[in-house]
Amino acid sequence: MKHDFENLQKERKGLSRIWHALGYSWAGLKQGMHEPAFFLEFKLAIVLIPIGFWLGANWVESSLLIGSVLLVMIVELLNTGIETAIDRIGPEFHDLSKRAKDLGSAAVLLSLLLCGGVWLAAIVHRWMI
């Protein structure tokens, strides 16, 4: 039976599928580290995640603080994936390519605003109230 590379993962079952999926995910994270925006967010996460454990008064608050940081990183990876796929199509300008990239960028902006709002609220609550 002939296998296409793109369908090979779908034919795997059980632990083999999980193992290979983890490998693909690890490769994606390594690729993300080569993106300046993701690498900056990763460095900030190294600082903010431990602070999130300390700043949160309980597990819910800590989860919101840490989750908002991780959400920014997730959205950045998705945005990078969109940009990479668009760039694969070709370098020429196209309205739909611009739209896709702008929408991805807007998603990153909203995740950053959410993260900043969560952290600001936690800091205000901790020291102002």
Protein backbone atom coordinates (compact mmCIF):
# COMPACT_ATOMS: atom_id res chain seq x y z
CA MET A 1 0.00 0.00 0.00
CA LYS A 2 1.39 3.37 -1.04
CA HIS A 3 1.47 6.11 1.61
CA ASP A 4 1.43 9.84 1.09
CA PHE A 5 3.49 11.72 3.67
CA GLU A 6 0.48 13.78 4.69
CA ASN A 7 -1.67 10.70 5.34
CA LEU A 8 0.88 8.59 7.19
CA GLN A 9 0.08 10.11 10.58
CA LYS A 10 -3.64 9.42 10.15
CA GLU A 11 -2.97 5.72 9.62
CA ARG A 12 -1.00 5.37 12.86
CA LYS A 13 -2.83 4.10 15.92
CA GLY A 14 -2.38 4.20 19.70
CA LEU A 15 0.97 5.04 21.24
CA SER A 16 2.69 5.26 17.84
CA ARG A 17 0.33 8.05 16.81
CA ILE A 18 0.86 9.90 20.10
CA TRP A 19 4.65 9.48 19.90
CA HIS A 20 4.84 10.83 16.36
CA ALA A 21 2.43 13.68 17.17
CA LEU A 22 4.70 14.71 20.05
CA GLY A 23 7.64 14.72 17.65
CA TYR A 24 5.80 17.00 15.24
CA SER A 25 4.81 19.29 18.11
CA TRP A 26 8.39 19.43 19.37
CA ALA A 27 9.59 20.28 15.84
CA GLY A 28 7.00 23.09 15.72
CA LEU A 29 8.20 24.52 19.02
CA LYS A 30 11.80 24.42 17.79
CA GLN A 31 10.74 26.26 14.62
CA GLY A 32 8.89 28.81 16.76
CA MET A 33 12.10 29.59 18.61
CA HIS A 34 13.52 30.90 15.33
CA GLU A 35 10.74 33.49 15.13
CA PRO A 36 11.74 36.73 16.94
CA ALA A 37 8.26 37.47 18.31
CA PHE A 38 7.75 33.95 19.67
CA PHE A 39 11.26 33.83 21.12
CA LEU A 40 10.62 37.13 22.96
CA GLU A 41 7.31 35.81 24.28
CA PHE A 42 9.06 32.60 25.37
CA LYS A 43 11.67 34.59 27.33
CA LEU A 44 8.90 36.64 28.96
CA ALA A 45 7.03 33.44 29.81
CA ILE A 46 10.09 32.09 31.64
CA VAL A 47 9.88 35.16 33.90
CA LEU A 48 6.08 35.57 34.12
CA ILE A 49 5.05 31.97 34.78
CA PRO A 50 6.88 31.71 38.14
CA ILE A 51 5.58 35.18 39.05
CA GLY A 52 2.08 33.98 38.15
CA PHE A 53 2.36 31.19 40.72
CA TRP A 54 3.44 33.73 43.33
CA LEU A 55 1.03 36.52 42.39
CA GLY A 56 -2.09 34.37 42.22
CA ALA A 57 -3.89 34.07 45.56
CA ASN A 58 -5.26 30.64 44.60
CA TRP A 59 -5.10 28.10 41.79
CA VAL A 60 -7.75 29.92 39.75
CA GLU A 61 -5.88 33.22 39.77
CA SER A 62 -2.56 31.52 39.03
CA SER A 63 -4.17 29.59 36.19
CA LEU A 64 -5.56 32.78 34.66
CA LEU A 65 -2.22 34.55 34.87
CA ILE A 66 -0.22 31.64 33.48
CA GLY A 67 -2.89 30.70 30.95
CA SER A 68 -2.99 34.20 29.52
CA VAL A 69 0.77 34.06 28.93
CA LEU A 70 0.52 30.65 27.27
CA LEU A 71 -2.40 31.87 25.15
CA VAL A 72 -0.22 34.62 23.68
CA MET A 73 2.37 32.02 22.72
CA ILE A 74 -0.26 29.72 21.20
CA VAL A 75 -1.77 32.52 19.11
CA GLU A 76 1.71 33.61 17.99
CA LEU A 77 2.47 30.09 16.76
CA LEU A 78 -0.84 29.97 14.87
CA ASN A 79 -0.13 33.39 13.35
CA THR A 80 3.32 32.21 12.28
CA GLY A 81 1.72 29.16 10.67
CA ILE A 82 -0.67 31.36 8.72
CA GLU A 83 2.13 33.67 7.59
CA THR A 84 4.29 30.71 6.58
CA ALA A 85 1.50 29.16 4.52
CA ILE A 86 0.81 32.49 2.79
CA ASP A 87 4.52 33.01 2.08
CA ARG A 88 4.69 29.47 0.63
CA ILE A 89 2.06 30.45 -1.95
CA GLY A 90 4.18 33.30 -3.26
CA PRO A 91 5.76 36.65 -2.47
CA GLU A 92 3.51 38.75 -4.72
CA PHE A 93 0.94 41.03 -3.11
CA HIS A 94 -2.63 39.76 -2.96
CA ASP A 95 -5.56 41.23 -1.03
CA LEU A 96 -6.49 37.84 0.48
CA SER A 97 -2.91 37.20 1.59
CA LYS A 98 -2.81 40.59 3.28
CA ARG A 99 -6.18 39.92 4.89
CA ALA A 100 -5.06 36.56 6.28
CA LYS A 101 -1.85 38.05 7.69
CA ASP A 102 -3.68 41.06 9.14
CA LEU A 103 -6.26 38.82 10.82
CA GLY A 104 -3.51 36.70 12.35
CA SER A 105 -1.77 39.82 13.59
CA ALA A 106 -5.03 41.10 15.08
CA ALA A 107 -5.44 37.80 16.93
CA VAL A 108 -1.98 38.22 18.45
CA LEU A 109 -2.83 41.80 19.46
CA LEU A 110 -6.06 40.70 21.17
CA SER A 111 -4.25 37.93 23.04
CA LEU A 112 -1.64 40.44 24.22
CA LEU A 113 -4.35 42.86 25.37
CA LEU A 114 -6.10 40.05 27.22
CA CYS A 115 -2.85 38.98 28.87
CA GLY A 116 -1.99 42.54 29.86
CA GLY A 117 -5.49 43.10 31.26
CA VAL A 118 -5.40 39.91 33.33
CA TRP A 119 -1.98 40.77 34.75
CA LEU A 120 -2.92 44.40 35.41
CA ALA A 121 -6.09 43.33 37.22
CA ALA A 122 -4.15 40.85 39.34
CA ILE A 123 -1.51 43.43 40.26
CA VAL A 124 -4.12 46.08 41.10
CA HIS A 125 -6.08 43.57 43.17
CA ARG A 126 -2.97 42.45 45.04
CA TRP A 127 -1.57 45.88 45.93
CA MET A 128 -4.38 48.41 45.57
CA ILE A 129 -7.31 46.71 47.25
